[in-house]
């Protein structure tokens, strides 16, 4: 029963998230009718503004942005406090593969290192505004899991380097 409820909840949240992602206006719409676009953004909570020559932006209210910051700070502090308790740390380590299924390809020490690095990055994002730190931690540990999952890549990664030429590098995100 609990699994079914969690699945239904996850489905509802995914649908709500997709609905909010699909709401977008062009930068031209914003420049031509800023009051209507601002009203729509306020009504929806946030609104994607697409721009042909630049990255998309998100238009939101200051109150919503402040609450998002507050939520990130609260979650970050809560996770850091849990890590200081044996039971909390153990729970976080056990939950990590559920949140990041690819973590099953990390050994126990790597899972612990990933957890610590992720929580520190969340803290940096919340307390210092270093938003890219979380993304970097996830992407780099996912790359490690990808290498661990492929015996050929893992063998190549563990091979001693003969000279200073490391060869070409492929980046996957």
Protein backbone atom coordinates (compact mmCIF):
# COMPACT_ATOMS: atom_id res chain seq x y z
CA UNK A 1 0.00 0.00 0.00
CA UNK A 2 2.75 2.47 0.92
CA UNK A 3 4.59 1.74 -2.30
CA UNK A 4 1.45 2.34 -4.35
CA UNK A 5 0.78 5.64 -2.57
CA UNK A 6 4.36 6.74 -3.07
CA UNK A 7 4.12 5.84 -6.77
CA UNK A 8 0.87 7.76 -7.18
CA UNK A 9 2.38 10.73 -5.35
CA UNK A 10 5.51 10.59 -7.53
CA UNK A 11 3.34 10.42 -10.64
CA UNK A 12 1.26 13.43 -9.56
CA UNK A 13 4.42 15.40 -8.77
CA UNK A 14 5.96 14.48 -12.14
CA UNK A 15 2.81 15.57 -13.97
CA UNK A 16 2.72 18.84 -12.04
CA UNK A 17 6.41 19.41 -12.78
CA UNK A 18 5.93 18.68 -16.50
CA UNK A 19 2.94 21.02 -16.64
CA UNK A 20 4.96 23.86 -15.13
CA UNK A 21 7.89 23.13 -17.48
CA UNK A 22 5.63 23.32 -20.53
CA UNK A 23 4.55 26.87 -19.72
CA UNK A 24 6.77 29.15 -21.77
CA UNK A 25 6.73 32.42 -23.62
CA UNK A 26 9.25 33.86 -26.02
CA UNK A 27 11.49 36.78 -25.16
CA UNK A 28 9.63 38.67 -27.86
CA UNK A 29 6.34 38.04 -26.03
CA UNK A 30 7.93 39.41 -22.86
CA UNK A 31 9.20 42.54 -24.59
CA UNK A 32 5.89 43.18 -26.39
CA UNK A 33 3.57 42.57 -23.46
CA UNK A 34 5.51 42.61 -20.18
CA UNK A 35 2.47 43.15 -17.93
CA UNK A 36 0.59 40.13 -19.29
CA UNK A 37 3.67 37.92 -19.14
CA UNK A 38 4.44 39.06 -15.59
CA UNK A 39 0.84 38.37 -14.55
CA UNK A 40 1.02 34.90 -16.11
CA UNK A 41 4.31 34.17 -14.34
CA UNK A 42 2.85 35.31 -11.03
CA UNK A 43 -0.25 33.16 -11.55
CA UNK A 44 1.77 30.06 -12.48
CA UNK A 45 4.55 30.67 -9.96
CA UNK A 46 7.20 30.62 -12.66
CA UNK A 47 7.37 30.91 -16.41
CA UNK A 48 10.10 29.90 -18.85
CA UNK A 49 11.19 32.68 -21.19
CA UNK A 50 12.76 31.29 -24.34
CA UNK A 51 15.28 33.26 -26.35
CA UNK A 52 16.58 32.23 -29.73
CA UNK A 53 20.13 33.54 -29.19
CA UNK A 54 20.54 33.06 -25.43
CA UNK A 55 19.83 30.48 -22.76
CA UNK A 56 16.24 30.29 -21.54
CA UNK A 57 15.37 32.23 -18.40
CA UNK A 58 12.76 31.67 -15.72
CA UNK A 59 10.55 34.52 -14.61
CA UNK A 60 9.21 34.17 -11.08
CA UNK A 61 8.19 36.30 -8.14
CA UNK A 62 10.75 37.38 -5.57
CA UNK A 63 8.72 35.68 -2.83
CA UNK A 64 8.82 32.36 -4.67
CA UNK A 65 12.58 32.69 -5.31
CA UNK A 66 13.15 33.50 -1.63
CA UNK A 67 11.11 30.46 -0.56
CA UNK A 68 13.10 28.26 -2.91
CA UNK A 69 16.31 29.56 -1.33
CA UNK A 70 14.88 28.98 2.15
CA UNK A 71 13.88 25.41 1.20
CA UNK A 72 17.35 24.65 -0.13
CA UNK A 73 19.00 26.04 2.99
CA UNK A 74 16.67 24.11 5.30
CA UNK A 75 17.15 20.82 3.44
CA UNK A 76 20.91 21.31 3.32
CA UNK A 77 21.16 22.01 7.05
CA UNK A 78 18.89 19.06 7.85
CA UNK A 79 20.99 16.64 5.80
CA UNK A 80 24.21 17.93 7.32
CA UNK A 81 22.75 17.48 10.82
CA UNK A 82 21.69 13.92 9.94
CA UNK A 83 25.22 13.12 8.76
CA UNK A 84 26.52 13.95 12.24
CA UNK A 85 24.42 11.16 13.78
CA UNK A 86 25.26 7.50 13.17
CA UNK A 87 21.66 6.50 12.40
CA UNK A 88 21.14 9.56 10.20
CA UNK A 89 24.34 8.97 8.26
CA UNK A 90 23.44 5.32 7.78
CA UNK A 91 19.95 6.29 6.55
CA UNK A 92 21.38 8.78 4.06
CA UNK A 93 23.87 6.21 2.77
CA UNK A 94 21.06 3.68 2.33
CA UNK A 95 18.80 6.22 0.61
CA UNK A 96 21.39 7.45 -1.86
CA UNK A 97 21.00 4.55 -4.35
CA UNK A 98 17.24 5.12 -4.38
CA UNK A 99 17.73 8.75 -5.34
CA UNK A 100 20.62 7.99 -7.70
CA UNK A 101 20.10 4.43 -9.05
CA UNK A 102 23.48 4.49 -10.78
CA UNK A 103 25.14 4.67 -7.34
CA UNK A 104 24.83 0.87 -7.18
CA UNK A 105 27.97 0.86 -9.34
CA UNK A 106 29.94 2.66 -6.63
CA UNK A 107 31.66 0.69 -3.89
CA UNK A 108 30.89 1.42 -0.22
CA UNK A 109 33.72 3.93 0.16
CA UNK A 110 32.72 5.74 -3.04
CA UNK A 111 29.09 5.95 -1.87
CA UNK A 112 30.29 7.47 1.40
CA UNK A 113 32.53 9.96 -0.45
CA UNK A 114 29.72 10.85 -2.87
CA UNK A 115 27.31 11.43 0.02
CA UNK A 116 29.73 13.72 1.84
CA UNK A 117 30.63 15.62 -1.34
CA UNK A 118 26.97 16.00 -2.32
CA UNK A 119 25.97 17.30 1.12
CA UNK A 120 28.89 19.73 1.15
CA UNK A 121 27.90 20.91 -2.34
CA UNK A 122 24.29 21.38 -1.20
CA UNK A 123 25.57 23.42 1.72
CA UNK A 124 27.72 25.53 -0.60
CA UNK A 125 24.73 26.08 -2.88
CA UNK A 126 22.51 27.09 0.03
CA UNK A 127 24.96 29.13 2.06
CA UNK A 128 27.25 30.57 -0.63
CA UNK A 129 25.08 30.60 -3.74
CA UNK A 130 27.49 28.16 -5.43
CA UNK A 131 24.74 26.49 -7.47
CA UNK A 132 27.01 24.60 -9.87
CA UNK A 133 28.67 22.66 -7.04
CA UNK A 134 25.74 20.23 -6.74
CA UNK A 135 25.63 19.63 -10.48
CA UNK A 136 29.40 19.05 -10.61
CA UNK A 137 29.26 16.53 -7.76
CA UNK A 138 26.43 14.56 -9.35
CA UNK A 139 27.93 14.60 -12.85
CA UNK A 140 31.40 13.57 -11.69
CA UNK A 141 30.14 10.71 -9.49
CA UNK A 142 27.76 9.55 -12.23
CA UNK A 143 30.79 9.41 -14.56
CA UNK A 144 32.63 7.30 -11.99
CA UNK A 145 29.63 4.95 -11.75
CA UNK A 146 29.49 4.75 -15.55
CA UNK A 147 33.15 3.70 -15.68
CA UNK A 148 32.64 1.20 -12.84
CA UNK A 149 29.65 -0.30 -14.69
CA UNK A 150 31.67 -1.00 -17.85
CA UNK A 151 34.40 -3.61 -17.27
CA UNK A 152 36.40 -2.41 -20.29
CA UNK A 153 36.34 1.23 -19.18
CA UNK A 154 37.17 0.22 -15.62
CA UNK A 155 40.14 -1.85 -16.80
CA UNK A 156 41.36 1.08 -18.94
CA UNK A 157 40.90 3.52 -16.04
CA UNK A 158 42.99 1.33 -13.75
CA UNK A 159 45.76 0.79 -16.30
CA UNK A 160 48.99 2.56 -15.33
CA UNK A 161 49.94 5.48 -17.55
CA UNK A 162 53.12 4.90 -19.51
CA UNK A 163 53.88 8.45 -20.58
CA UNK A 164 52.60 12.00 -20.26
CA UNK A 165 50.23 11.70 -23.23
CA UNK A 166 46.80 10.96 -21.79
CA UNK A 167 45.08 10.88 -25.18
CA UNK A 168 41.65 12.22 -26.09
CA UNK A 169 39.02 12.82 -23.44
CA UNK A 170 35.30 12.29 -23.92
CA UNK A 171 32.85 14.18 -21.71
CA UNK A 172 29.35 12.76 -21.20
CA UNK A 173 26.62 14.60 -19.34
